[in-house]
PDB file of N, CA and C in Angstrom:
ATOM      1  N   MET A   1    -127.180 -32.563 149.107  1.00  0.00           N
ATOM      2  CA  MET A   1    -128.619 -32.822 149.002  1.00  0.00           C
ATOM      3  C   MET A   1    -129.258 -33.129 150.115  1.00  0.00           C
ATOM      4  N   TYR A   2    -130.533 -32.782 150.599  1.00  0.00           N
ATOM      5  CA  TYR A   2    -131.537 -32.844 151.576  1.00  0.00           C
ATOM      6  C   TYR A   2    -132.655 -33.657 151.214  1.00  0.00           C
ATOM      7  N   TYR A   3    -133.341 -34.965 151.576  1.00  0.00           N
ATOM      8  CA  TYR A   3    -133.901 -35.148 151.276  1.00  0.00           C
ATOM      9  C   TYR A   3    -134.814 -35.725 152.667  1.00  0.00           C
ATOM     10  N   ILE A   4    -136.506 -35.686 152.632  1.00  0.00           N
ATOM     11  CA  ILE A   4    -137.297 -36.127 153.468  1.00  0.00           C
ATOM     12  C   ILE A   4    -138.457 -36.420 153.567  1.00  0.00           C
ATOM     13  N   LYS A   5    -139.243 -37.614 153.651  1.00  0.00           N
ATOM     14  CA  LYS A   5    -140.127 -38.251 152.860  1.00  0.00           C
ATOM     15  C   LYS A   5    -140.900 -38.006 153.996  1.00  0.00           C
ATOM     16  N   LYS A   6    -142.559 -37.968 153.835  1.00  0.00           N
ATOM     17  CA  LYS A   6    -143.375 -37.677 154.966  1.00  0.00           C
ATOM     18  C   LYS A   6    -145.171 -38.293 153.602  1.00  0.00           C
ATOM     19  N   THR A   7    -145.716 -39.091 154.771  1.00  0.00           N
ATOM     20  CA  THR A   7    -146.332 -40.071 154.625  1.00  0.00           C
ATOM     21  C   THR A   7    -147.546 -40.237 155.339  1.00  0.00           C
ATOM     22  N   MET A   8    -148.998 -40.519 155.015  1.00  0.00           N
ATOM     23  CA  MET A   8    -150.108 -39.867 155.447  1.00  0.00           C
ATOM     24  C   MET A   8    -150.785 -40.280 155.347  1.00  0.00           C
ATOM     25  N   GLU A   9    -152.566 -40.913 156.187  1.00  0.00           N
ATOM     26  CA  GLU A   9    -153.269 -41.592 155.653  1.00  0.00           C
ATOM     27  C   GLU A   9    -154.857 -40.453 156.029  1.00  0.00           C
ATOM     28  N   ILE A  10    -155.414 -40.598 154.864  1.00  0.00           N
ATOM     29  CA  ILE A  10    -156.228 -40.060 154.533  1.00  0.00           C
ATOM     30  C   ILE A  10    -157.733 -40.698 154.485  1.00  0.00           C
ATOM     31  N   SER A  11    -158.588 -40.270 154.946  1.00  0.00           N
ATOM     32  CA  SER A  11    -160.345 -40.576 154.818  1.00  0.00           C
ATOM     33  C   SER A  11    -161.085 -39.844 153.686  1.00  0.00           C
ATOM     34  N   ALA A  12    -161.565 -40.432 152.038  1.00  0.00           N
ATOM     35  CA  ALA A  12    -161.990 -39.363 151.589  1.00  0.00           C
ATOM     36  C   ALA A  12    -162.846 -40.195 150.356  1.00  0.00           C
ATOM     37  N   SER A  13    -163.564 -39.662 150.129  1.00  0.00           N
ATOM     38  CA  SER A  13    -164.875 -39.767 149.598  1.00  0.00           C
ATOM     39  C   SER A  13    -164.074 -39.667 147.462  1.00  0.00           C
ATOM     40  N   HIS A  14    -164.433 -40.020 146.511  1.00  0.00           N
ATOM     41  CA  HIS A  14    -164.918 -39.684 145.406  1.00  0.00           C
ATOM     42  C   HIS A  14    -165.000 -40.344 144.759  1.00  0.00           C
ATOM     43  N   SER A  15    -166.085 -40.050 143.284  1.00  0.00           N
ATOM     44  CA  SER A  15    -166.650 -40.893 141.897  1.00  0.00           C
ATOM     45  C   SER A  15    -165.448 -39.910 141.314  1.00  0.00           C
ATOM     46  N   LEU A  16    -165.569 -40.742 140.505  1.00  0.00           N
ATOM     47  CA  LEU A  16    -164.829 -40.912 139.183  1.00  0.00           C
ATOM     48  C   LEU A  16    -165.597 -40.782 137.377  1.00  0.00           C
ATOM     49  N   THR A  17    -165.125 -39.959 137.053  1.00  0.00           N
ATOM     50  CA  THR A  17    -165.703 -39.490 135.107  1.00  0.00           C
ATOM     51  C   THR A  17    -164.986 -40.462 134.491  1.00  0.00           C
ATOM     52  N   LEU A  18    -166.221 -41.636 133.528  1.00  0.00           N
ATOM     53  CA  LEU A  18    -164.515 -41.693 133.201  1.00  0.00           C
ATOM     54  C   LEU A  18    -165.658 -42.457 131.821  1.00  0.00           C
ATOM     55  N   SER A  19    -164.720 -42.336 130.710  1.00  0.00           N
ATOM     56  CA  SER A  19    -165.521 -43.230 129.116  1.00  0.00           C
ATOM     57  C   SER A  19    -166.207 -44.322 128.777  1.00  0.00           C
ATOM     58  N   TYR A  20    -166.253 -45.153 130.010  1.00  0.00           N
ATOM     59  CA  TYR A  20    -166.683 -46.791 130.260  1.00  0.00           C
ATOM     60  C   TYR A  20    -167.218 -46.827 131.667  1.00  0.00           C
ATOM     61  N   PRO A  21    -168.429 -47.458 131.174  1.00  0.00           N
ATOM     62  CA  PRO A  21    -169.489 -48.209 132.389  1.00  0.00           C
ATOM     63  C   PRO A  21    -168.334 -48.782 133.972  1.00  0.00           C
ATOM     64  N   SER A  22    -168.263 -48.044 135.256  1.00  0.00           N
ATOM     65  CA  SER A  22    -167.459 -48.533 136.104  1.00  0.00           C
ATOM     66  C   SER A  22    -168.068 -48.230 137.244  1.00  0.00           C
ATOM     67  N   LYS A  23    -168.065 -49.333 138.398  1.00  0.00           N
ATOM     68  CA  LYS A  23    -168.770 -48.754 139.560  1.00  0.00           C
ATOM     69  C   LYS A  23    -168.425 -47.814 140.702  1.00  0.00           C
ATOM     70  N   CYS A  24    -166.549 -47.378 140.121  1.00  0.00           N
ATOM     71  CA  CYS A  24    -166.331 -46.900 140.228  1.00  0.00           C
ATOM     72  C   CYS A  24    -166.794 -44.608 139.862  1.00  0.00           C
ATOM     73  N   SER A  25    -167.579 -45.684 139.232  1.00  0.00           N
ATOM     74  CA  SER A  25    -168.596 -44.312 139.119  1.00  0.00           C
ATOM     75  C   SER A  25    -168.981 -43.409 140.072  1.00  0.00           C
ATOM     76  N   SER A  26    -169.468 -44.152 140.675  1.00  0.00           N
ATOM     77  CA  SER A  26    -170.025 -43.738 142.031  1.00  0.00           C
ATOM     78  C   SER A  26    -169.386 -43.253 143.122  1.00  0.00           C
ATOM     79  N   LEU A  27    -170.337 -42.668 143.525  1.00  0.00           N
ATOM     80  CA  LEU A  27    -169.496 -42.207 145.368  1.00  0.00           C
ATOM     81  C   LEU A  27    -168.866 -43.350 146.386  1.00  0.00           C
ATOM     82  N   HIS A  28    -167.851 -43.548 146.034  1.00  0.00           N
ATOM     83  CA  HIS A  28    -167.152 -44.523 146.987  1.00  0.00           C
ATOM     84  C   HIS A  28    -166.275 -43.571 148.162  1.00  0.00           C
ATOM     85  N   GLY A  29    -165.220 -44.449 148.859  1.00  0.00           N
ATOM     86  CA  GLY A  29    -164.236 -44.276 149.628  1.00  0.00           C
ATOM     87  C   GLY A  29    -163.390 -44.900 149.797  1.00  0.00           C
ATOM     88  N   HIS A  30    -161.885 -44.208 150.110  1.00  0.00           N
ATOM     89  CA  HIS A  30    -160.746 -45.349 150.317  1.00  0.00           C
ATOM     90  C   HIS A  30    -160.636 -44.643 151.546  1.00  0.00           C
ATOM     91  N   ASN A  31    -159.239 -45.184 152.085  1.00  0.00           N
ATOM     92  CA  ASN A  31    -158.204 -44.852 152.865  1.00  0.00           C
ATOM     93  C   ASN A  31    -157.286 -44.944 152.598  1.00  0.00           C
ATOM     94  N   TRP A  32    -156.651 -43.728 151.699  1.00  0.00           N
ATOM     95  CA  TRP A  32    -155.544 -43.291 150.940  1.00  0.00           C
ATOM     96  C   TRP A  32    -154.419 -43.748 152.033  1.00  0.00           C
ATOM     97  N   THR A  33    -153.026 -43.694 151.215  1.00  0.00           N
ATOM     98  CA  THR A  33    -151.725 -43.228 151.456  1.00  0.00           C
ATOM     99  C   THR A  33    -151.422 -42.280 151.327  1.00  0.00           C
ATOM    100  N   ILE A  34    -151.130 -41.414 151.800  1.00  0.00           N
ATOM    101  CA  ILE A  34    -150.199 -40.614 150.687  1.00  0.00           C
ATOM    102  C   ILE A  34    -148.563 -40.254 150.771  1.00  0.00           C
ATOM    103  N   THR A  35    -147.836 -40.536 150.049  1.00  0.00           N
ATOM    104  CA  THR A  35    -146.536 -40.136 150.237  1.00  0.00           C
ATOM    105  C   THR A  35    -145.626 -38.858 150.179  1.00  0.00           C
ATOM    106  N   VAL A  36    -145.111 -38.572 150.689  1.00  0.00           N
ATOM    107  CA  VAL A  36    -144.690 -36.974 149.799  1.00  0.00           C
ATOM    108  C   VAL A  36    -143.724 -36.471 149.682  1.00  0.00           C
ATOM    109  N   PHE A  37    -142.271 -36.375 149.063  1.00  0.00           N
ATOM    110  CA  PHE A  37    -141.028 -36.577 148.689  1.00  0.00           C
ATOM    111  C   PHE A  37    -140.935 -35.203 148.555  1.00  0.00           C
ATOM    112  N   CYS A  38    -139.413 -34.555 149.053  1.00  0.00           N
ATOM    113  CA  CYS A  38    -138.843 -33.571 149.304  1.00  0.00           C
ATOM    114  C   CYS A  38    -137.086 -33.453 148.715  1.00  0.00           C
ATOM    115  N   LYS A  39    -137.121 -32.666 148.421  1.00  0.00           N
ATOM    116  CA  LYS A  39    -135.246 -32.240 148.244  1.00  0.00           C
ATOM    117  C   LYS A  39    -135.022 -31.149 148.611  1.00  0.00           C
ATOM    118  N   SER A  40    -134.144 -30.513 149.011  1.00  0.00           N
ATOM    119  CA  SER A  40    -133.330 -29.616 148.068  1.00  0.00           C
ATOM    120  C   SER A  40    -131.967 -29.212 149.072  1.00  0.00           C
ATOM    121  N   LYS A  41    -131.146 -28.331 148.246  1.00  0.00           N
ATOM    122  CA  LYS A  41    -129.967 -28.457 148.037  1.00  0.00           C
ATOM    123  C   LYS A  41    -129.639 -27.853 149.664  1.00  0.00           C
ATOM    124  N   GLU A  42    -130.078 -26.908 149.910  1.00  0.00           N
ATOM    125  CA  GLU A  42    -130.014 -26.011 151.289  1.00  0.00           C
ATOM    126  C   GLU A  42    -130.903 -26.461 152.485  1.00  0.00           C
ATOM    127  N   LEU A  43    -130.362 -26.132 153.307  1.00  0.00           N
ATOM    128  CA  LEU A  43    -132.072 -26.393 154.376  1.00  0.00           C
ATOM    129  C   LEU A  43    -132.981 -24.593 154.244  1.00  0.00           C
ATOM    130  N   ASN A  44    -134.262 -24.362 154.991  1.00  0.00           N
ATOM    131  CA  ASN A  44    -134.352 -23.433 155.064  1.00  0.00           C
ATOM    132  C   ASN A  44    -133.869 -23.341 156.313  1.00  0.00           C
ATOM    133  N   LYS A  45    -134.624 -21.636 156.479  1.00  0.00           N
ATOM    134  CA  LYS A  45    -133.676 -20.526 158.072  1.00  0.00           C
ATOM    135  C   LYS A  45    -134.116 -21.236 159.079  1.00  0.00           C
ATOM    136  N   ASP A  46    -134.661 -22.475 159.180  1.00  0.00           N
ATOM    137  CA  ASP A  46    -135.375 -23.129 160.049  1.00  0.00           C
ATOM    138  C   ASP A  46    -134.074 -24.758 160.520  1.00  0.00           C
ATOM    139  N   GLY A  47    -133.714 -25.417 159.306  1.00  0.00           N
ATOM    140  CA  GLY A  47    -132.654 -25.997 159.224  1.00  0.00           C
ATOM    141  C   GLY A  47    -133.693 -27.033 158.797  1.00  0.00           C
ATOM    142  N   MET A  48    -134.447 -26.969 158.151  1.00  0.00           N
ATOM    143  CA  MET A  48    -135.387 -27.967 157.487  1.00  0.00           C
ATOM    144  C   MET A  48    -135.558 -27.639 155.375  1.00  0.00           C
ATOM    145  N   VAL A  49    -135.988 -29.038 154.615  1.00  0.00           N
ATOM    146  CA  VAL A  49    -136.110 -28.745 153.552  1.00  0.00           C
ATOM    147  C   VAL A  49    -137.891 -28.147 153.799  1.00  0.00           C
ATOM    148  N   VAL A  50    -138.385 -28.556 154.447  1.00  0.00           N
ATOM    149  CA  VAL A  50    -140.146 -28.121 154.491  1.00  0.00           C
ATOM    150  C   VAL A  50    -140.276 -28.626 155.651  1.00  0.00           C
ATOM    151  N   ASP A  51    -141.394 -28.040 156.683  1.00  0.00           N
ATOM    152  CA  ASP A  51    -141.391 -28.875 157.829  1.00  0.00           C
ATOM    153  C   ASP A  51    -142.820 -29.706 157.602  1.00  0.00           C
ATOM    154  N   PHE A  52    -142.744 -30.668 158.538  1.00  0.00           N
ATOM    155  CA  PHE A  52    -143.054 -31.512 158.324  1.00  0.00           C
ATOM    156  C   PHE A  52    -144.729 -31.955 158.647  1.00  0.00           C
ATOM    157  N   SER A  53    -145.249 -30.989 159.226  1.00  0.00           N
ATOM    158  CA  SER A  53    -146.490 -30.293 159.950  1.00  0.00           C
ATOM    159  C   SER A  53    -146.848 -29.138 158.730  1.00  0.00           C
ATOM    160  N   GLU A  54    -146.554 -29.061 158.005  1.00  0.00           N
ATOM    161  CA  GLU A  54    -146.774 -28.154 156.806  1.00  0.00           C
ATOM    162  C   GLU A  54    -147.065 -28.667 155.895  1.00  0.00           C
ATOM    163  N   VAL A  55    -146.673 -30.011 155.476  1.00  0.00           N
ATOM    164  CA  VAL A  55    -147.170 -31.097 154.889  1.00  0.00           C
ATOM    165  C   VAL A  55    -148.326 -31.923 155.243  1.00  0.00           C
ATOM    166  N   LYS A  56    -148.366 -31.887 156.174  1.00  0.00           N
ATOM    167  CA  LYS A  56    -149.054 -32.809 157.029  1.00  0.00           C
ATOM    168  C   LYS A  56    -150.869 -31.560 156.781  1.00  0.00           C
ATOM    169  N   ARG A  57    -150.867 -30.117 156.948  1.00  0.00           N
ATOM    170  CA  ARG A  57    -151.664 -29.173 157.077  1.00  0.00           C
ATOM    171  C   ARG A  57    -152.155 -29.593 155.608  1.00  0.00           C
ATOM    172  N   ARG A  58    -150.489 -28.630 154.398  1.00  0.00           N
ATOM    173  CA  ARG A  58    -151.479 -28.956 153.396  1.00  0.00           C
ATOM    174  C   ARG A  58    -152.554 -29.939 152.270  1.00  0.00           C
ATOM    175  N   VAL A  59    -152.248 -31.161 153.211  1.00  0.00           N
ATOM    176  CA  VAL A  59    -152.463 -32.491 151.733  1.00  0.00           C
ATOM    177  C   VAL A  59    -153.627 -33.222 153.362  1.00  0.00           C
ATOM    178  N   HIS A  60    -152.931 -33.319 154.323  1.00  0.00           N
ATOM    179  CA  HIS A  60    -154.439 -33.929 155.244  1.00  0.00           C
ATOM    180  C   HIS A  60    -155.047 -33.375 155.598  1.00  0.00           C
ATOM    181  N   GLY A  61    -154.450 -32.428 155.913  1.00  0.00           N
ATOM    182  CA  GLY A  61    -155.444 -31.049 156.688  1.00  0.00           C
ATOM    183  C   GLY A  61    -156.342 -30.853 155.563  1.00  0.00           C
ATOM    184  N   TYR A  62    -156.368 -30.901 154.548  1.00  0.00           N
ATOM    185  CA  TYR A  62    -157.395 -29.549 153.389  1.00  0.00           C
ATOM    186  C   TYR A  62    -158.058 -30.825 152.777  1.00  0.00           C
ATOM    187  N   LEU A  63    -157.750 -32.415 152.397  1.00  0.00           N
ATOM    188  CA  LEU A  63    -158.418 -33.524 152.192  1.00  0.00           C
ATOM    189  C   LEU A  63    -159.260 -34.645 153.056  1.00  0.00           C
ATOM    190  N   ASP A  64    -158.922 -35.009 154.378  1.00  0.00           N
ATOM    191  CA  ASP A  64    -159.320 -35.446 154.860  1.00  0.00           C
ATOM    192  C   ASP A  64    -160.321 -35.404 155.435  1.00  0.00           C
ATOM    193  N   HIS A  65    -161.482 -36.951 155.358  1.00  0.00           N
ATOM    194  CA  HIS A  65    -163.025 -36.375 155.551  1.00  0.00           C
ATOM    195  C   HIS A  65    -163.274 -35.206 154.479  1.00  0.00           C
ATOM    196  N   GLY A  66    -163.411 -35.984 153.749  1.00  0.00           N
ATOM    197  CA  GLY A  66    -163.512 -35.203 152.210  1.00  0.00           C
ATOM    198  C   GLY A  66    -164.152 -35.196 151.399  1.00  0.00           C
ATOM    199  N   ASN A  67    -164.807 -34.890 150.287  1.00  0.00           N
ATOM    200  CA  ASN A  67    -165.055 -35.311 149.303  1.00  0.00           C
ATOM    201  C   ASN A  67    -164.904 -35.008 148.308  1.00  0.00           C
ATOM    202  N   LEU A  68    -163.444 -35.518 147.912  1.00  0.00           N
ATOM    203  CA  LEU A  68    -162.567 -35.086 146.257  1.00  0.00           C
ATOM    204  C   LEU A  68    -162.890 -34.489 145.522  1.00  0.00           C
ATOM    205  N   ASN A  69    -164.184 -35.282 145.752  1.00  0.00           N
ATOM    206  CA  ASN A  69    -164.866 -33.930 143.701  1.00  0.00           C
ATOM    207  C   ASN A  69    -165.330 -32.461 144.703  1.00  0.00           C
ATOM    208  N   GLU A  70    -165.374 -33.018 145.659  1.00  0.00           N
ATOM    209  CA  GLU A  70    -165.935 -31.302 146.310  1.00  0.00           C
ATOM    210  C   GLU A  70    -164.413 -30.467 146.311  1.00  0.00           C
ATOM    211  N   LEU A  71    -163.598 -30.773 146.689  1.00  0.00           N
ATOM    212  CA  LEU A  71    -162.602 -29.810 146.991  1.00  0.00           C
ATOM    213  C   LEU A  71    -161.251 -30.225 145.542  1.00  0.00           C
ATOM    214  N   LEU A  72    -161.876 -30.762 145.150  1.00  0.00           N
ATOM    215  CA  LEU A  72    -159.829 -30.389 143.571  1.00  0.00           C
ATOM    216  C   LEU A  72    -161.291 -30.133 142.701  1.00  0.00           C
ATOM    217  N   PRO A  73    -160.521 -29.666 141.530  1.00  0.00           N
ATOM    218  CA  PRO A  73    -161.168 -29.094 140.486  1.00  0.00           C
ATOM    219  C   PRO A  73    -160.911 -29.914 139.368  1.00  0.00           C
ATOM    220  N   PHE A  74    -160.520 -31.284 139.222  1.00  0.00           N
ATOM    221  CA  PHE A  74    -160.840 -32.325 138.505  1.00  0.00           C
ATOM    222  C   PHE A  74    -161.408 -33.363 138.989  1.00  0.00           C
ATOM    223  N   ASN A  75    -161.224 -34.393 137.892  1.00  0.00           N
ATOM    224  CA  ASN A  75    -162.057 -35.658 138.678  1.00  0.00           C
ATOM    225  C   ASN A  75    -160.499 -36.635 138.934  1.00  0.00           C
ATOM    226  N   PRO A  76    -161.106 -36.747 140.590  1.00  0.00           N
ATOM    227  CA  PRO A  76    -160.385 -37.152 141.442  1.00  0.00           C
ATOM    228  C   PRO A  76    -159.066 -38.444 141.184  1.00  0.00           C
ATOM    229  N   THR A  77    -159.132 -38.611 140.013  1.00  0.00           N
ATOM    230  CA  THR A  77    -158.156 -39.658 139.991  1.00  0.00           C
ATOM    231  C   THR A  77    -156.935 -40.352 141.047  1.00  0.00           C
ATOM    232  N   ALA A  78    -156.087 -41.055 141.517  1.00  0.00           N
ATOM    233  CA  ALA A  78    -155.382 -41.846 142.263  1.00  0.00           C
ATOM    234  C   ALA A  78    -153.698 -40.714 141.499  1.00  0.00           C
ATOM    235  N   GLU A  79    -153.408 -40.592 139.820  1.00  0.00           N
ATOM    236  CA  GLU A  79    -153.010 -39.775 138.862  1.00  0.00           C
ATOM    237  C   GLU A  79    -153.073 -38.253 138.811  1.00  0.00           C
ATOM    238  N   ASN A  80    -153.957 -37.701 139.485  1.00  0.00           N
ATOM    239  CA  ASN A  80    -154.669 -36.492 138.989  1.00  0.00           C
ATOM    240  C   ASN A  80    -154.683 -36.318 140.694  1.00  0.00           C
ATOM    241  N   ILE A  81    -154.012 -36.722 141.515  1.00  0.00           N
ATOM    242  CA  ILE A  81    -154.297 -36.185 143.468  1.00  0.00           C
ATOM    243  C   ILE A  81    -152.803 -36.273 143.506  1.00  0.00           C
ATOM    244  N   ALA A  82    -152.593 -36.983 142.638  1.00  0.00           N
ATOM    245  CA  ALA A  82    -150.649 -37.294 142.928  1.00  0.00           C
ATOM    246  C   ALA A  82    -150.017 -35.712 141.990  1.00  0.00           C
ATOM    247  N   LYS A  83    -150.063 -35.487 140.959  1.00  0.00           N
ATOM    248  CA  LYS A  83    -149.883 -34.003 140.718  1.00  0.00           C
ATOM    249  C   LYS A  83    -150.353 -32.721 141.619  1.00  0.00           C
ATOM    250  N   TRP A  84    -151.129 -32.952 141.861  1.00  0.00           N
ATOM    251  CA  TRP A  84    -151.726 -31.616 142.748  1.00  0.00           C
ATOM    252  C   TRP A  84    -150.798 -31.789 143.986  1.00  0.00           C
ATOM    253  N   VAL A  85    -150.976 -32.819 144.637  1.00  0.00           N
ATOM    254  CA  VAL A  85    -150.743 -32.677 145.499  1.00  0.00           C
ATOM    255  C   VAL A  85    -148.852 -32.534 145.852  1.00  0.00           C
ATOM    256  N   CYS A  86    -148.198 -32.624 144.764  1.00  0.00           N
ATOM    257  CA  CYS A  86    -147.090 -32.353 144.158  1.00  0.00           C
ATOM    258  C   CYS A  86    -146.591 -30.815 144.472  1.00  0.00           C
ATOM    259  N   ASP A  87    -148.020 -30.088 143.463  1.00  0.00           N
ATOM    260  CA  ASP A  87    -148.134 -28.905 143.237  1.00  0.00           C
ATOM    261  C   ASP A  87    -148.318 -27.689 145.069  1.00  0.00           C
ATOM    262  N   GLN A  88    -148.915 -28.624 146.060  1.00  0.00           N
ATOM    263  CA  GLN A  88    -149.344 -27.626 147.059  1.00  0.00           C
ATOM    264  C   GLN A  88    -147.833 -27.364 147.582  1.00  0.00           C
ATOM    265  N   VAL A  89    -147.106 -28.637 147.939  1.00  0.00           N
ATOM    266  CA  VAL A  89    -146.198 -28.617 148.891  1.00  0.00           C
ATOM    267  C   VAL A  89    -144.352 -27.869 148.383  1.00  0.00           C
ATOM    268  N   GLU A  90    -143.899 -27.426 148.835  1.00  0.00           N
ATOM    269  CA  GLU A  90    -142.779 -25.924 148.782  1.00  0.00           C
ATOM    270  C   GLU A  90    -142.077 -27.566 148.853  1.00  0.00           C
ATOM    271  N   ASN A  91    -140.565 -27.816 147.461  1.00  0.00           N
ATOM    272  CA  ASN A  91    -139.818 -28.565 147.252  1.00  0.00           C
ATOM    273  C   ASN A  91    -140.043 -29.726 147.161  1.00  0.00           C
ATOM    274  N   CYS A  92    -141.098 -30.400 146.651  1.00  0.00           N
ATOM    275  CA  CYS A  92    -141.838 -31.949 146.501  1.00  0.00           C
ATOM    276  C   CYS A  92    -141.182 -31.893 145.053  1.00  0.00           C
ATOM    277  N   TYR A  93    -140.545 -33.116 144.943  1.00  0.00           N
ATOM    278  CA  TYR A  93    -140.268 -33.709 143.267  1.00  0.00           C
ATOM    279  C   TYR A  93    -140.849 -34.634 143.404  1.00  0.00           C
ATOM    280  N   ARG A  94    -141.494 -35.925 144.411  1.00  0.00           N
ATOM    281  CA  ARG A  94    -142.292 -36.954 143.950  1.00  0.00           C
ATOM    282  C   ARG A  94    -143.418 -37.509 144.709  1.00  0.00           C
ATOM    283  N   VAL A  95    -144.465 -38.071 144.987  1.00  0.00           N
ATOM    284  CA  VAL A  95    -145.579 -38.060 145.235  1.00  0.00           C
ATOM    285  C   VAL A  95    -146.252 -39.892 145.046  1.00  0.00           C
ATOM    286  N   GLU A  96    -146.252 -39.507 146.372  1.00  0.00           N
ATOM    287  CA  GLU A  96    -147.461 -41.358 145.797  1.00  0.00           C
ATOM    288  C   GLU A  96    -148.215 -41.625 146.327  1.00  0.00           C
ATOM    289  N   VAL A  97    -149.552 -42.167 146.139  1.00  0.00           N
ATOM    290  CA  VAL A  97    -150.871 -42.273 146.457  1.00  0.00           C
ATOM    291  C   VAL A  97    -151.218 -43.371 145.944  1.00  0.00           C
ATOM    292  N   GLN A  98    -151.928 -44.176 146.592  1.00  0.00           N
ATOM    293  CA  GLN A  98    -152.020 -45.851 147.001  1.00  0.00           C
ATOM    294  C   GLN A  98    -153.576 -45.492 147.616  1.00  0.00           C
ATOM    295  N   GLU A  99    -154.694 -45.673 146.696  1.00  0.00           N
ATOM    296  CA  GLU A  99    -155.946 -45.793 146.648  1.00  0.00           C
ATOM    297  C   GLU A  99    -156.342 -47.024 147.615  1.00  0.00           C
ATOM    298  N   SER A 100    -156.119 -48.048 147.465  1.00  0.00           N
ATOM    299  CA  SER A 100    -156.047 -49.458 147.793  1.00  0.00           C
ATOM    300  C   SER A 100    -154.868 -50.255 147.474  1.00  0.00           C
ATOM    301  N   PHE A 101    -154.938 -51.098 148.715  1.00  0.00           N
ATOM    302  CA  PHE A 101    -153.981 -52.025 148.732  1.00  0.00           C
ATOM    303  C   PHE A 101    -153.725 -52.816 147.193  1.00  0.00           C
ATOM    304  N   GLY A 102    -152.492 -52.318 146.684  1.00  0.00           N
ATOM    305  CA  GLY A 102    -152.222 -52.781 145.383  1.00  0.00           C
ATOM    306  C   GLY A 102    -152.339 -51.897 144.132  1.00  0.00           C
ATOM    307  N   ASN A 103    -152.705 -50.563 144.390  1.00  0.00           N
ATOM    308  CA  ASN A 103    -153.030 -49.981 143.294  1.00  0.00           C
ATOM    309  C   ASN A 103    -152.619 -48.760 143.924  1.00  0.00           C
ATOM    310  N   LEU A 104    -151.712 -48.000 143.265  1.00  0.00           N
ATOM    311  CA  LEU A 104    -150.228 -47.305 143.301  1.00  0.00           C
ATOM    312  C   LEU A 104    -149.541 -45.874 142.203  1.00  0.00           C
ATOM    313  N   ALA A 105    -150.297 -45.162 142.545  1.00  0.00           N
ATOM    314  CA  ALA A 105    -149.959 -43.566 141.396  1.00  0.00           C
ATOM    315  C   ALA A 105    -148.507 -43.134 141.533  1.00  0.00           C
ATOM    316  N   VAL A 106    -147.738 -42.765 140.568  1.00  0.00           N
ATOM    317  CA  VAL A 106    -146.936 -41.599 141.261  1.00  0.00           C
ATOM    318  C   VAL A 106    -146.751 -40.794 140.574  1.00  0.00           C
ATOM    319  N   TYR A 107    -146.522 -39.638 140.731  1.00  0.00           N
ATOM    320  CA  TYR A 107    -146.434 -38.157 140.105  1.00  0.00           C
ATOM    321  C   TYR A 107    -144.576 -37.711 140.530  1.00  0.00           C
ATOM    322  N   GLU A 108    -144.003 -37.617 139.380  1.00  0.00           N
ATOM    323  CA  GLU A 108    -142.260 -37.416 139.540  1.00  0.00           C
ATOM    324  C   GLU A 108    -142.278 -36.076 138.605  1.00  0.00           C
ATOM    325  N   ARG A 109    -141.800 -35.321 139.262  1.00  0.00           N
ATOM    326  CA  ARG A 109    -141.175 -34.015 138.392  1.00  0.00           C
ATOM    327  C   ARG A 109    -140.188 -33.899 137.211  1.00  0.00           C
ATOM    328  N   ASP A 110    -140.185 -33.988 136.323  1.00  0.00           N
ATOM    329  CA  ASP A 110    -138.714 -33.904 135.296  1.00  0.00           C
ATOM    330  C   ASP A 110    -137.138 -33.558 136.129  1.00  0.00           C
TER     331      ASP A 110
END
């Protein structure tokens, strides 16, 4: 099995729709750290699990310096973002989204 890991930082804003009063319901921003894990039993024709630049293009290229409420079709919690990122990248099986120091959400495919 081959494994790769790509870590990137994005700056983005969001506001959350919550069932309780919270400052997070107001528009605010984070410097998010997103780590993408991919694996494959075989390498592609170029000798890769997936090209690191393709991972960056699909995630960083789309989300960086954006308003996540406008870019994503769901409540942009760290958990939902982690699932969305996993769905965007070929051979992805795990994503870690650090919203701020000490706050980490993980999505892992079964």
